[in-house]
Amino acid sequence: MVEVLYEDNHVIVVNKRPGELVQPDQSGGPALEETVKDYIKVKYAKPGAVFLGVVHRIDRPVGGAVLLARTSKALVRLNEQLKQRKFRKTYWAIIENRPSGNTAAGELKHYIVRNGKTNKSTAYETLTAVPERLRGEAKEAILRYKLLASGDRYHLLEIELLTGRHHQIRCQLSKIGCPIKGDLKYGAARSNKDGGISLWARRLSFEHPVTHKTITVEAPTPADDTLWAFFERATNSNAE
């Protein structure tokens, strides 16, 4: 079942489920790309192969908004926007610990090094803190965060990515002692029942590749997850 958030003749934005691959890999598991192709083929009764271009990806255990291109022209133009960092990506993260100093908002800047063998990244405070042999691989990672709500055990952050690095949010929040709920790889106390992590690609803004209008899409968090539902209610009441 595909949850479509926005759709026209050129692009489609869908709400990915945690644990779902964006593109097929060696594991052979079901992938969002193929599911959306099947959806388009059936809905529009397309007789031949369906074109669909993946514009950006989110990690397998993460849920939320994913943008795909329905034409090759749209794919080229959206890839150029992505390259120029014109997308605005906002995430929600449920974390185990509140940021130190009772900080309600802030900016994190680290230097990240990816280990391809373990598929894990390490964040360093400064470039000089990176081991000399790894400095050539280090990439600057910057994000902004805002505390939206707190419960008895967990806290909700809204995060704006200013750079797009491997496992950036997971890695940087772990570095400041605020691992994401369920993210065992980056220091969470326990796993989530669904095997995913409590990180959601909440909002995505981009320039439409044909009309050039700004499109902003918001991805609902899982309604059947009591903790996500709690934070949805908390943010809605705070906004009123």
C-alpha atoms as a PDB file:
ATOM      1  CA  MET A   1       0.000   0.000   0.000  1.00  0.00           C
ATOM      2  CA  VAL A   2       1.441   3.357  -1.080  1.00  0.00           C
ATOM      3  CA  GLU A   3       0.668   6.450   0.995  1.00  0.00           C
ATOM      4  CA  VAL A   4       0.860   9.293  -1.518  1.00  0.00           C
ATOM      5  CA  LEU A   5       1.508  12.745  -0.064  1.00  0.00           C
ATOM      6  CA  TYR A   6       1.708  14.674  -3.361  1.00  0.00           C
ATOM      7  CA  GLU A   7       1.384  13.628  -6.980  1.00  0.00           C
ATOM      8  CA  ASP A   8       1.225  15.136 -10.453  1.00  0.00           C
ATOM      9  CA  ASN A   9       2.472  14.237 -13.939  1.00  0.00           C
ATOM     10  CA  HIS A  10       6.088  15.050 -13.074  1.00  0.00           C
ATOM     11  CA  VAL A  11       6.741  14.090  -9.438  1.00  0.00           C
ATOM     12  CA  ILE A  12       5.363  11.935  -6.645  1.00  0.00           C
ATOM     13  CA  VAL A  13       6.061  12.148  -2.903  1.00  0.00           C
ATOM     14  CA  VAL A  14       5.250   9.140  -0.731  1.00  0.00           C
ATOM     15  CA  ASN A  15       5.391   8.338   2.979  1.00  0.00           C
ATOM     16  CA  LYS A  16       7.938   5.548   3.448  1.00  0.00           C
ATOM     17  CA  ARG A  17       7.485   3.046   6.256  1.00  0.00           C
ATOM     18  CA  PRO A  18      10.377   2.249   8.639  1.00  0.00           C
ATOM     19  CA  GLY A  19      12.201  -0.887   7.502  1.00  0.00           C
ATOM     20  CA  GLU A  20      11.333  -0.354   3.846  1.00  0.00           C
ATOM     21  CA  LEU A  21      14.147   0.018   1.332  1.00  0.00           C
ATOM     22  CA  VAL A  22      13.977   2.977  -1.050  1.00  0.00           C
ATOM     23  CA  GLN A  23      15.722   1.011  -3.828  1.00  0.00           C
ATOM     24  CA  PRO A  24      16.299  -2.731  -4.234  1.00  0.00           C
ATOM     25  CA  ASP A  25      19.562  -4.110  -2.835  1.00  0.00           C
ATOM     26  CA  GLN A  26      21.268  -7.475  -2.386  1.00  0.00           C
ATOM     27  CA  SER A  27      18.911  -8.418   0.462  1.00  0.00           C
ATOM     28  CA  GLY A  28      16.127  -8.886  -2.058  1.00  0.00           C
ATOM     29  CA  GLY A  29      13.549  -7.240   0.211  1.00  0.00           C
ATOM     30  CA  PRO A  30      10.614  -5.214  -1.128  1.00  0.00           C
ATOM     31  CA  ALA A  31      11.577  -1.700  -2.163  1.00  0.00           C
ATOM     32  CA  LEU A  32       9.594   1.528  -2.296  1.00  0.00           C
ATOM     33  CA  GLU A  33      10.727   2.235  -5.860  1.00  0.00           C
ATOM     34  CA  GLU A  34       9.116  -0.966  -7.165  1.00  0.00           C
ATOM     35  CA  THR A  35       5.956  -0.502  -5.077  1.00  0.00           C
ATOM     36  CA  VAL A  36       5.433   3.015  -6.469  1.00  0.00           C
ATOM     37  CA  LYS A  37       6.056   1.805 -10.029  1.00  0.00           C
ATOM     38  CA  ASP A  38       3.330  -0.810  -9.557  1.00  0.00           C
ATOM     39  CA  TYR A  39       0.997   1.844  -8.117  1.00  0.00           C
ATOM     40  CA  ILE A  40       1.526   4.140 -11.145  1.00  0.00           C
ATOM     41  CA  LYS A  41       1.176   1.272 -13.606  1.00  0.00           C
ATOM     42  CA  VAL A  42      -2.189   0.240 -12.151  1.00  0.00           C
ATOM     43  CA  LYS A  43      -3.600   3.730 -11.513  1.00  0.00           C
ATOM     44  CA  TYR A  44      -2.816   5.035 -15.006  1.00  0.00           C
ATOM     45  CA  ALA A  45      -3.163   1.682 -16.832  1.00  0.00           C
ATOM     46  CA  LYS A  46       0.303   2.006 -18.343  1.00  0.00           C
ATOM     47  CA  PRO A  47       0.979  -0.848 -20.797  1.00  0.00           C
ATOM     48  CA  GLY A  48       4.769  -0.674 -20.815  1.00  0.00           C
ATOM     49  CA  ALA A  49       7.577  -0.082 -18.353  1.00  0.00           C
ATOM     50  CA  VAL A  50       7.045   2.750 -15.865  1.00  0.00           C
ATOM     51  CA  PHE A  51       9.767   5.403 -15.553  1.00  0.00           C
ATOM     52  CA  LEU A  52      10.542   6.396 -11.982  1.00  0.00           C
ATOM     53  CA  GLY A  53      13.663   8.166 -10.752  1.00  0.00           C
ATOM     54  CA  VAL A  54      14.803   8.167  -7.139  1.00  0.00           C
ATOM     55  CA  VAL A  55      15.772  11.749  -6.267  1.00  0.00           C
ATOM     56  CA  HIS A  56      16.948  11.167  -2.696  1.00  0.00           C
ATOM     57  CA  ARG A  57      17.011   8.373  -0.137  1.00  0.00           C
ATOM     58  CA  ILE A  58      16.409   8.003   3.569  1.00  0.00           C
ATOM     59  CA  ASP A  59      17.894   5.216   5.680  1.00  0.00           C
ATOM     60  CA  ARG A  60      16.058   1.900   5.787  1.00  0.00           C
ATOM     61  CA  PRO A  61      15.002   2.181   9.480  1.00  0.00           C
ATOM     62  CA  VAL A  62      13.735   5.764   8.957  1.00  0.00           C
ATOM     63  CA  GLY A  63      10.223   6.680   7.801  1.00  0.00           C
ATOM     64  CA  GLY A  64       8.762   9.725   6.105  1.00  0.00           C
ATOM     65  CA  ALA A  65       8.660  11.756   2.908  1.00  0.00           C
ATOM     66  CA  VAL A  66      10.534  10.501  -0.160  1.00  0.00           C
ATOM     67  CA  LEU A  67      10.491  12.357  -3.492  1.00  0.00           C
ATOM     68  CA  LEU A  68      10.559  10.497  -6.805  1.00  0.00           C
ATOM     69  CA  ALA A  69      10.549  11.815 -10.373  1.00  0.00           C
ATOM     70  CA  ARG A  70       8.031  10.554 -12.921  1.00  0.00           C
ATOM     71  CA  THR A  71       9.928  11.848 -15.972  1.00  0.00           C
ATOM     72  CA  SER A  72      13.590  11.966 -16.946  1.00  0.00           C
ATOM     73  CA  LYS A  73      13.426  15.756 -17.328  1.00  0.00           C
ATOM     74  CA  ALA A  74      12.092  16.133 -13.796  1.00  0.00           C
ATOM     75  CA  LEU A  75      14.793  13.801 -12.469  1.00  0.00           C
ATOM     76  CA  VAL A  76      17.613  15.844 -14.026  1.00  0.00           C
ATOM     77  CA  ARG A  77      16.235  19.133 -12.696  1.00  0.00           C
ATOM     78  CA  LEU A  78      15.564  17.785  -9.199  1.00  0.00           C
ATOM     79  CA  ASN A  79      19.016  16.192  -9.017  1.00  0.00           C
ATOM     80  CA  GLU A  80      20.495  19.595  -9.822  1.00  0.00           C
ATOM     81  CA  GLN A  81      18.472  21.188  -7.009  1.00  0.00           C
ATOM     82  CA  LEU A  82      19.705  18.510  -4.626  1.00  0.00           C
ATOM     83  CA  LYS A  83      23.295  19.076  -5.726  1.00  0.00           C
ATOM     84  CA  GLN A  84      22.910  22.810  -5.074  1.00  0.00           C
ATOM     85  CA  ARG A  85      21.299  22.112  -1.662  1.00  0.00           C
ATOM     86  CA  LYS A  86      18.060  23.839  -2.619  1.00  0.00           C
ATOM     87  CA  PHE A  87      15.862  21.244  -0.914  1.00  0.00           C
ATOM     88  CA  ARG A  88      14.708  22.000   2.600  1.00  0.00           C
ATOM     89  CA  LYS A  89      14.487  18.844   4.704  1.00  0.00           C
ATOM     90  CA  THR A  90      12.972  18.815   8.173  1.00  0.00           C
ATOM     91  CA  TYR A  91      13.033  15.757  10.400  1.00  0.00           C
ATOM     92  CA  TRP A  92      11.433  14.776  13.681  1.00  0.00           C
ATOM     93  CA  ALA A  93      13.464  12.689  16.109  1.00  0.00           C
ATOM     94  CA  ILE A  94      12.380  11.104  19.377  1.00  0.00           C
ATOM     95  CA  ILE A  95      15.469  11.075  21.589  1.00  0.00           C
ATOM     96  CA  GLU A  96      16.310   9.427  24.893  1.00  0.00           C
ATOM     97  CA  ASN A  97      17.959  12.415  26.580  1.00  0.00           C
ATOM     98  CA  ARG A  98      17.284  16.122  26.465  1.00  0.00           C
ATOM     99  CA  PRO A  99      20.178  18.207  25.055  1.00  0.00           C
ATOM    100  CA  SER A 100      22.486  19.350  27.853  1.00  0.00           C
ATOM    101  CA  GLY A 101      22.041  22.718  29.508  1.00  0.00           C
ATOM    102  CA  ASN A 102      18.275  22.580  28.932  1.00  0.00           C
ATOM    103  CA  THR A 103      18.945  23.995  25.482  1.00  0.00           C
ATOM    104  CA  ALA A 104      15.671  24.397  23.590  1.00  0.00           C
ATOM    105  CA  ALA A 105      17.382  25.106  20.260  1.00  0.00           C
ATOM    106  CA  GLY A 106      20.832  25.062  18.781  1.00  0.00           C
ATOM    107  CA  GLU A 107      23.161  24.194  15.933  1.00  0.00           C
ATOM    108  CA  LEU A 108      25.443  21.175  15.757  1.00  0.00           C
ATOM    109  CA  LYS A 109      28.620  21.169  13.697  1.00  0.00           C
ATOM    110  CA  HIS A 110      30.875  18.132  13.473  1.00  0.00           C
ATOM    111  CA  TYR A 111      33.243  16.410  11.097  1.00  0.00           C
ATOM    112  CA  ILE A 112      31.958  13.001  10.085  1.00  0.00           C
ATOM    113  CA  VAL A 113      33.921  10.002   8.878  1.00  0.00           C
ATOM    114  CA  ARG A 114      32.084   7.040   7.373  1.00  0.00           C
ATOM    115  CA  ASN A 115      33.261   3.455   7.860  1.00  0.00           C
ATOM    116  CA  GLY A 116      32.107   1.518   4.824  1.00  0.00           C
ATOM    117  CA  LYS A 117      32.796  -1.882   6.421  1.00  0.00           C
ATOM    118  CA  THR A 118      30.539  -1.273   9.428  1.00  0.00           C
ATOM    119  CA  ASN A 119      28.153   1.132   7.628  1.00  0.00           C
ATOM    120  CA  LYS A 120      28.534   3.523  10.534  1.00  0.00           C
ATOM    121  CA  SER A 121      29.755   7.108  10.845  1.00  0.00           C
ATOM    122  CA  THR A 122      31.752   8.761  13.618  1.00  0.00           C
ATOM    123  CA  ALA A 123      31.406  12.447  14.520  1.00  0.00           C
ATOM    124  CA  TYR A 124      34.341  14.557  15.709  1.00  0.00           C
ATOM    125  CA  GLU A 125      34.120  17.987  17.344  1.00  0.00           C
ATOM    126  CA  THR A 126      36.836  19.523  15.153  1.00  0.00           C
ATOM    127  CA  LEU A 127      38.834  18.557  12.085  1.00  0.00           C
ATOM    128  CA  THR A 128      42.000  18.313  14.163  1.00  0.00           C
ATOM    129  CA  ALA A 129      40.226  15.778  16.417  1.00  0.00           C
ATOM    130  CA  VAL A 130      39.880  13.427  13.444  1.00  0.00           C
ATOM    131  CA  PRO A 131      42.729  10.875  13.316  1.00  0.00           C
ATOM    132  CA  GLU A 132      45.270  12.142  10.819  1.00  0.00           C
ATOM    133  CA  ARG A 133      44.925   9.094   8.568  1.00  0.00           C
ATOM    134  CA  LEU A 134      41.181   9.796   8.229  1.00  0.00           C
ATOM    135  CA  ARG A 135      41.148  13.560   7.791  1.00  0.00           C
ATOM    136  CA  GLY A 136      40.969  13.350   4.023  1.00  0.00           C
ATOM    137  CA  GLU A 137      37.680  11.464   4.356  1.00  0.00           C
ATOM    138  CA  ALA A 138      36.113  13.780   6.956  1.00  0.00           C
ATOM    139  CA  LYS A 139      33.101  15.844   5.840  1.00  0.00           C
ATOM    140  CA  GLU A 140      31.594  18.828   7.614  1.00  0.00           C
ATOM    141  CA  ALA A 141      28.111  18.113   8.981  1.00  0.00           C
ATOM    142  CA  ILE A 142      25.739  20.864  10.178  1.00  0.00           C
ATOM    143  CA  LEU A 143      22.190  20.709  11.460  1.00  0.00           C
ATOM    144  CA  ARG A 144      19.860  22.909  13.485  1.00  0.00           C
ATOM    145  CA  TYR A 145      17.510  21.543  16.108  1.00  0.00           C
ATOM    146  CA  LYS A 146      14.577  22.736  18.190  1.00  0.00           C
ATOM    147  CA  LEU A 147      12.972  20.999  21.163  1.00  0.00           C
ATOM    148  CA  LEU A 148       9.255  20.683  20.393  1.00  0.00           C
ATOM    149  CA  ALA A 149       7.937  18.621  23.301  1.00  0.00           C
ATOM    150  CA  SER A 150       8.915  16.363  26.183  1.00  0.00           C
ATOM    151  CA  GLY A 151       7.327  13.336  27.848  1.00  0.00           C
ATOM    152  CA  ASP A 152       8.267  11.366  30.928  1.00  0.00           C
ATOM    153  CA  ARG A 153      11.085   9.462  29.222  1.00  0.00           C
ATOM    154  CA  TYR A 154      11.541  10.882  25.741  1.00  0.00           C
ATOM    155  CA  HIS A 155      11.850  14.211  23.952  1.00  0.00           C
ATOM    156  CA  LEU A 156      10.897  15.370  20.452  1.00  0.00           C
ATOM    157  CA  LEU A 157      13.328  17.393  18.350  1.00  0.00           C
ATOM    158  CA  GLU A 158      12.658  19.109  15.033  1.00  0.00           C
ATOM    159  CA  ILE A 159      15.788  19.060  12.900  1.00  0.00           C
ATOM    160  CA  GLU A 160      16.751  20.967   9.780  1.00  0.00           C
ATOM    161  CA  LEU A 161      19.583  19.455   7.793  1.00  0.00           C
ATOM    162  CA  LEU A 162      22.026  21.984   6.372  1.00  0.00           C
ATOM    163  CA  THR A 163      24.279  19.268   4.936  1.00  0.00           C
ATOM    164  CA  GLY A 164      23.490  15.741   3.837  1.00  0.00           C
ATOM    165  CA  ARG A 165      25.967  13.235   5.257  1.00  0.00           C
ATOM    166  CA  HIS A 166      25.837   9.504   5.901  1.00  0.00           C
ATOM    167  CA  HIS A 167      23.715   8.844   9.031  1.00  0.00           C
ATOM    168  CA  GLN A 168      24.203  12.517   9.887  1.00  0.00           C
ATOM    169  CA  ILE A 169      21.315  13.067  12.311  1.00  0.00           C
ATOM    170  CA  ARG A 170      21.805   9.712  14.014  1.00  0.00           C
ATOM    171  CA  CYS A 171      25.529  10.259  14.372  1.00  0.00           C
ATOM    172  CA  GLN A 172      25.443  13.871  15.557  1.00  0.00           C
ATOM    173  CA  LEU A 173      22.681  13.349  18.128  1.00  0.00           C
ATOM    174  CA  SER A 174      24.517  10.331  19.505  1.00  0.00           C
ATOM    175  CA  LYS A 175      27.668  12.426  19.791  1.00  0.00           C
ATOM    176  CA  ILE A 176      25.933  14.909  22.142  1.00  0.00           C
ATOM    177  CA  GLY A 177      24.451  12.110  24.256  1.00  0.00           C
ATOM    178  CA  CYS A 178      20.969  12.148  22.726  1.00  0.00           C
ATOM    179  CA  PRO A 179      20.601   8.875  20.785  1.00  0.00           C
ATOM    180  CA  ILE A 180      17.428   8.365  18.788  1.00  0.00           C
ATOM    181  CA  LYS A 181      14.946   5.928  20.299  1.00  0.00           C
ATOM    182  CA  GLY A 182      15.477   2.456  18.843  1.00  0.00           C
ATOM    183  CA  ASP A 183      18.809   3.269  17.191  1.00  0.00           C
ATOM    184  CA  LEU A 184      21.025   0.552  18.693  1.00  0.00           C
ATOM    185  CA  LYS A 185      23.789   1.291  16.202  1.00  0.00           C
ATOM    186  CA  TYR A 186      24.220   4.761  17.708  1.00  0.00           C
ATOM    187  CA  GLY A 187      23.741   4.043  21.386  1.00  0.00           C
ATOM    188  CA  ALA A 188      20.005   3.650  22.058  1.00  0.00           C
ATOM    189  CA  ALA A 189      19.142   1.614  25.135  1.00  0.00           C
ATOM    190  CA  ARG A 190      16.762  -0.763  23.358  1.00  0.00           C
ATOM    191  CA  SER A 191      15.308  -1.493  19.946  1.00  0.00           C
ATOM    192  CA  ASN A 192      11.857  -0.540  18.656  1.00  0.00           C
ATOM    193  CA  LYS A 193       9.304  -3.304  18.150  1.00  0.00           C
ATOM    194  CA  ASP A 194       9.117  -2.682  14.404  1.00  0.00           C
ATOM    195  CA  GLY A 195      12.904  -2.734  14.006  1.00  0.00           C
ATOM    196  CA  GLY A 196      12.935   0.887  12.850  1.00  0.00           C
ATOM    197  CA  ILE A 197      14.172   3.966  14.647  1.00  0.00           C
ATOM    198  CA  SER A 198      12.187   6.991  15.829  1.00  0.00           C
ATOM    199  CA  LEU A 199      13.419   9.352  13.123  1.00  0.00           C
ATOM    200  CA  TRP A 200      10.911  10.737  10.617  1.00  0.00           C
ATOM    201  CA  ALA A 201      11.404  12.733   7.417  1.00  0.00           C
ATOM    202  CA  ARG A 202       8.626  15.099   8.451  1.00  0.00           C
ATOM    203  CA  ARG A 203       8.673  17.882   5.875  1.00  0.00           C
ATOM    204  CA  LEU A 204      10.167  18.383   2.423  1.00  0.00           C
ATOM    205  CA  SER A 205      10.230  21.572   0.358  1.00  0.00           C
ATOM    206  CA  PHE A 206      11.478  21.771  -3.219  1.00  0.00           C
ATOM    207  CA  GLU A 207      10.995  23.776  -6.406  1.00  0.00           C
ATOM    208  CA  HIS A 208       8.693  22.015  -8.821  1.00  0.00           C
ATOM    209  CA  PRO A 209      10.833  21.008 -11.844  1.00  0.00           C
ATOM    210  CA  VAL A 210       8.276  22.312 -14.395  1.00  0.00           C
ATOM    211  CA  THR A 211       6.076  24.957 -12.754  1.00  0.00           C
ATOM    212  CA  HIS A 212       8.917  26.247 -10.510  1.00  0.00           C
ATOM    213  CA  LYS A 213       6.454  26.738  -7.668  1.00  0.00           C
ATOM    214  CA  THR A 214       7.599  25.818  -4.162  1.00  0.00           C
ATOM    215  CA  ILE A 215       6.072  22.507  -3.091  1.00  0.00           C
ATOM    216  CA  THR A 216       6.004  21.710   0.630  1.00  0.00           C
ATOM    217  CA  VAL A 217       4.852  18.284   1.764  1.00  0.00           C
ATOM    218  CA  GLU A 218       4.372  17.063   5.342  1.00  0.00           C
ATOM    219  CA  ALA A 219       4.507  13.374   6.212  1.00  0.00           C
ATOM    220  CA  PRO A 220       2.260  12.172   9.065  1.00  0.00           C
ATOM    221  CA  THR A 221       3.918   9.970  11.673  1.00  0.00           C
ATOM    222  CA  PRO A 222       2.423   6.500  12.297  1.00  0.00           C
ATOM    223  CA  ALA A 223      -1.038   6.852  13.852  1.00  0.00           C
ATOM    224  CA  ASP A 224      -0.788   3.372  15.396  1.00  0.00           C
ATOM    225  CA  ASP A 225       2.383   4.218  17.344  1.00  0.00           C
ATOM    226  CA  THR A 226       1.370   5.554  20.772  1.00  0.00           C
ATOM    227  CA  LEU A 227       4.542   7.581  21.325  1.00  0.00           C
ATOM    228  CA  TRP A 228       4.419   9.282  17.929  1.00  0.00           C
ATOM    229  CA  ALA A 229       0.703   9.943  18.510  1.00  0.00           C
ATOM    230  CA  PHE A 230       1.508  11.499  21.894  1.00  0.00           C
ATOM    231  CA  PHE A 231       4.017  13.890  20.347  1.00  0.00           C
ATOM    232  CA  GLU A 232       1.658  14.740  17.450  1.00  0.00           C
ATOM    233  CA  ARG A 233      -0.969  15.781  20.032  1.00  0.00           C
ATOM    234  CA  ALA A 234       1.626  17.668  22.097  1.00  0.00           C
ATOM    235  CA  THR A 235       2.859  19.704  19.123  1.00  0.00           C
ATOM    236  CA  ASN A 236      -0.685  20.430  17.974  1.00  0.00           C
ATOM    237  CA  SER A 237      -1.683  21.712  21.416  1.00  0.00           C
ATOM    238  CA  ASN A 238       1.478  23.836  21.610  1.00  0.00           C
ATOM    239  CA  ALA A 239       0.608  25.408  18.261  1.00  0.00           C
ATOM    240  CA  GLU A 240      -2.880  26.399  19.373  1.00  0.00           C
END
